[in-house]
N, C-alpha and C. Protein backbone atom coordinates (compact mmCIF):
# COMPACT_ATOMS: atom_id res chain seq x y z
N MET A 1 -83.59 42.28 -32.30
CA MET A 1 -82.99 41.56 -31.18
C MET A 1 -82.37 40.27 -31.71
N GLY A 2 -81.17 39.91 -31.24
CA GLY A 2 -80.47 38.73 -31.70
C GLY A 2 -80.93 37.48 -30.98
N SER A 3 -80.36 36.38 -31.38
CA SER A 3 -80.65 35.09 -30.75
C SER A 3 -80.07 35.05 -29.35
N ALA A 4 -80.66 34.23 -28.50
CA ALA A 4 -80.19 34.09 -27.13
C ALA A 4 -79.05 33.08 -27.06
N TRP A 5 -78.08 33.35 -26.20
CA TRP A 5 -76.98 32.41 -25.95
C TRP A 5 -77.55 31.16 -25.31
N GLN A 6 -77.03 30.00 -25.71
CA GLN A 6 -77.45 28.72 -25.15
C GLN A 6 -76.25 28.02 -24.51
N LYS A 7 -76.48 27.44 -23.35
CA LYS A 7 -75.42 26.72 -22.65
C LYS A 7 -75.18 25.38 -23.35
N SER A 8 -73.93 25.04 -23.53
CA SER A 8 -73.57 23.77 -24.15
C SER A 8 -74.06 22.61 -23.29
N THR A 9 -74.54 21.56 -23.94
CA THR A 9 -74.98 20.37 -23.21
C THR A 9 -73.80 19.63 -22.59
N TYR A 10 -72.57 19.96 -23.02
CA TYR A 10 -71.38 19.33 -22.46
C TYR A 10 -70.86 20.07 -21.23
N SER A 11 -71.45 21.22 -20.92
CA SER A 11 -71.03 21.98 -19.75
C SER A 11 -71.56 21.30 -18.50
N GLY A 12 -70.78 21.38 -17.44
CA GLY A 12 -71.20 20.79 -16.17
C GLY A 12 -72.22 21.67 -15.47
N THR A 13 -72.68 21.20 -14.34
CA THR A 13 -73.61 21.97 -13.53
C THR A 13 -72.96 22.27 -12.19
N GLY A 14 -73.42 23.29 -11.52
CA GLY A 14 -72.90 23.62 -10.20
C GLY A 14 -71.67 24.51 -10.27
N ASP A 15 -71.15 24.85 -9.11
CA ASP A 15 -69.99 25.73 -9.01
C ASP A 15 -68.72 25.04 -9.51
N GLY A 16 -67.86 25.82 -10.13
CA GLY A 16 -66.56 25.31 -10.55
C GLY A 16 -66.54 24.56 -11.85
N ASN A 17 -67.68 24.39 -12.48
CA ASN A 17 -67.71 23.67 -13.76
C ASN A 17 -67.53 24.63 -14.92
N ASP A 18 -66.84 24.16 -15.94
CA ASP A 18 -66.66 24.96 -17.14
C ASP A 18 -67.99 25.08 -17.86
N CYS A 19 -68.23 26.25 -18.41
CA CYS A 19 -69.48 26.45 -19.13
C CYS A 19 -69.20 27.24 -20.40
N VAL A 20 -69.58 26.67 -21.51
CA VAL A 20 -69.44 27.33 -22.80
C VAL A 20 -70.84 27.60 -23.32
N GLU A 21 -71.02 28.80 -23.85
CA GLU A 21 -72.29 29.16 -24.46
C GLU A 21 -72.10 29.35 -25.96
N VAL A 22 -73.15 29.11 -26.71
CA VAL A 22 -73.09 29.18 -28.17
C VAL A 22 -74.32 29.92 -28.69
N VAL A 23 -74.14 30.62 -29.82
CA VAL A 23 -75.25 31.29 -30.48
C VAL A 23 -74.95 31.36 -31.98
N ALA A 24 -75.98 31.24 -32.77
CA ALA A 24 -75.84 31.42 -34.22
C ALA A 24 -76.09 32.89 -34.54
N GLU A 25 -75.16 33.48 -35.29
CA GLU A 25 -75.26 34.88 -35.71
C GLU A 25 -75.21 34.90 -37.23
N GLY A 26 -76.34 34.71 -37.86
CA GLY A 26 -76.36 34.64 -39.32
C GLY A 26 -75.64 33.39 -39.78
N ASP A 27 -74.58 33.56 -40.58
CA ASP A 27 -73.80 32.43 -41.11
C ASP A 27 -72.62 32.07 -40.22
N VAL A 28 -72.57 32.61 -39.00
CA VAL A 28 -71.44 32.42 -38.10
C VAL A 28 -71.92 31.83 -36.78
N ILE A 29 -71.07 30.98 -36.20
CA ILE A 29 -71.32 30.43 -34.86
C ILE A 29 -70.41 31.18 -33.90
N ALA A 30 -70.98 31.65 -32.78
CA ALA A 30 -70.19 32.35 -31.77
C ALA A 30 -70.15 31.52 -30.49
N LEU A 31 -68.98 31.47 -29.87
CA LEU A 31 -68.77 30.73 -28.63
C LEU A 31 -68.16 31.66 -27.60
N ARG A 32 -68.54 31.45 -26.33
CA ARG A 32 -67.92 32.22 -25.26
C ARG A 32 -67.88 31.40 -23.98
N GLU A 33 -66.90 31.67 -23.16
CA GLU A 33 -66.77 31.08 -21.83
C GLU A 33 -67.58 31.96 -20.90
N ILE A 34 -68.44 31.36 -20.10
CA ILE A 34 -69.33 32.15 -19.26
C ILE A 34 -68.57 33.02 -18.26
N ASP A 35 -67.36 32.59 -17.85
CA ASP A 35 -66.57 33.38 -16.91
C ASP A 35 -65.99 34.64 -17.55
N THR A 36 -65.83 34.64 -18.87
CA THR A 36 -65.31 35.82 -19.58
C THR A 36 -66.18 36.09 -20.81
N PRO A 37 -67.43 36.52 -20.59
CA PRO A 37 -68.38 36.66 -21.70
C PRO A 37 -68.02 37.74 -22.72
N VAL A 38 -67.10 38.63 -22.39
CA VAL A 38 -66.72 39.65 -23.37
C VAL A 38 -65.79 39.10 -24.45
N THR A 39 -65.17 37.95 -24.19
CA THR A 39 -64.31 37.31 -25.17
C THR A 39 -65.14 36.30 -25.95
N VAL A 40 -65.33 36.58 -27.23
CA VAL A 40 -66.18 35.74 -28.08
C VAL A 40 -65.36 35.26 -29.27
N VAL A 41 -65.44 33.96 -29.55
CA VAL A 41 -64.79 33.37 -30.72
C VAL A 41 -65.88 33.12 -31.76
N ARG A 42 -65.64 33.60 -32.96
CA ARG A 42 -66.62 33.43 -34.05
C ARG A 42 -65.98 32.63 -35.18
N ALA A 43 -66.77 31.73 -35.75
CA ALA A 43 -66.28 30.91 -36.86
C ALA A 43 -67.45 30.46 -37.72
N THR A 44 -67.15 30.13 -38.96
CA THR A 44 -68.18 29.54 -39.80
C THR A 44 -68.43 28.11 -39.31
N PRO A 45 -69.57 27.53 -39.60
CA PRO A 45 -69.79 26.14 -39.19
C PRO A 45 -68.71 25.19 -39.71
N HIS A 46 -68.24 25.41 -40.94
CA HIS A 46 -67.19 24.55 -41.51
C HIS A 46 -65.90 24.67 -40.71
N ALA A 47 -65.47 25.90 -40.41
CA ALA A 47 -64.23 26.11 -39.66
C ALA A 47 -64.35 25.58 -38.24
N LEU A 48 -65.50 25.78 -37.61
CA LEU A 48 -65.70 25.28 -36.25
C LEU A 48 -65.66 23.75 -36.25
N GLY A 49 -66.28 23.13 -37.24
CA GLY A 49 -66.25 21.67 -37.35
C GLY A 49 -64.83 21.15 -37.51
N ALA A 50 -64.02 21.85 -38.32
CA ALA A 50 -62.62 21.45 -38.51
C ALA A 50 -61.85 21.57 -37.20
N LEU A 51 -62.09 22.63 -36.45
CA LEU A 51 -61.42 22.80 -35.16
C LEU A 51 -61.80 21.69 -34.19
N ILE A 52 -63.07 21.37 -34.11
CA ILE A 52 -63.54 20.32 -33.20
C ILE A 52 -62.95 18.97 -33.59
N ARG A 53 -62.93 18.66 -34.89
CA ARG A 53 -62.35 17.40 -35.34
C ARG A 53 -60.86 17.33 -34.99
N THR A 54 -60.15 18.43 -35.15
CA THR A 54 -58.73 18.47 -34.83
C THR A 54 -58.51 18.26 -33.33
N LEU A 55 -59.31 18.92 -32.52
CA LEU A 55 -59.18 18.76 -31.06
C LEU A 55 -59.50 17.34 -30.62
N LYS A 56 -60.54 16.77 -31.20
CA LYS A 56 -60.90 15.39 -30.86
C LYS A 56 -59.80 14.40 -31.26
N ALA A 57 -59.12 14.69 -32.35
CA ALA A 57 -58.05 13.80 -32.83
C ALA A 57 -56.78 13.96 -32.01
N GLY A 58 -56.72 14.97 -31.15
CA GLY A 58 -55.55 15.16 -30.30
C GLY A 58 -54.40 15.85 -30.99
N ALA A 59 -54.64 16.44 -32.14
CA ALA A 59 -53.57 17.15 -32.85
C ALA A 59 -53.04 18.29 -31.99
N GLY A 60 -51.75 18.46 -32.01
CA GLY A 60 -51.13 19.53 -31.26
C GLY A 60 -50.68 19.12 -29.87
N HIS A 61 -51.03 17.91 -29.45
CA HIS A 61 -50.59 17.42 -28.14
C HIS A 61 -49.24 16.73 -28.30
N GLU A 62 -48.33 17.05 -27.41
CA GLU A 62 -47.00 16.43 -27.48
C GLU A 62 -46.78 15.54 -26.30
């Protein structure tokens, strides 16, 4: 049996709030939106960290 999905501490509570869940799968981190749990994004911790840093820096916003 695999690890259980955990709700992100940054997710809101109540109806209408975005909710992201995360789970470690060996050497990979998996993320999913609770509204569409069949769509899962998987990345290594290094790649996920790079993505988060890029998003925080606002790269790609025009």
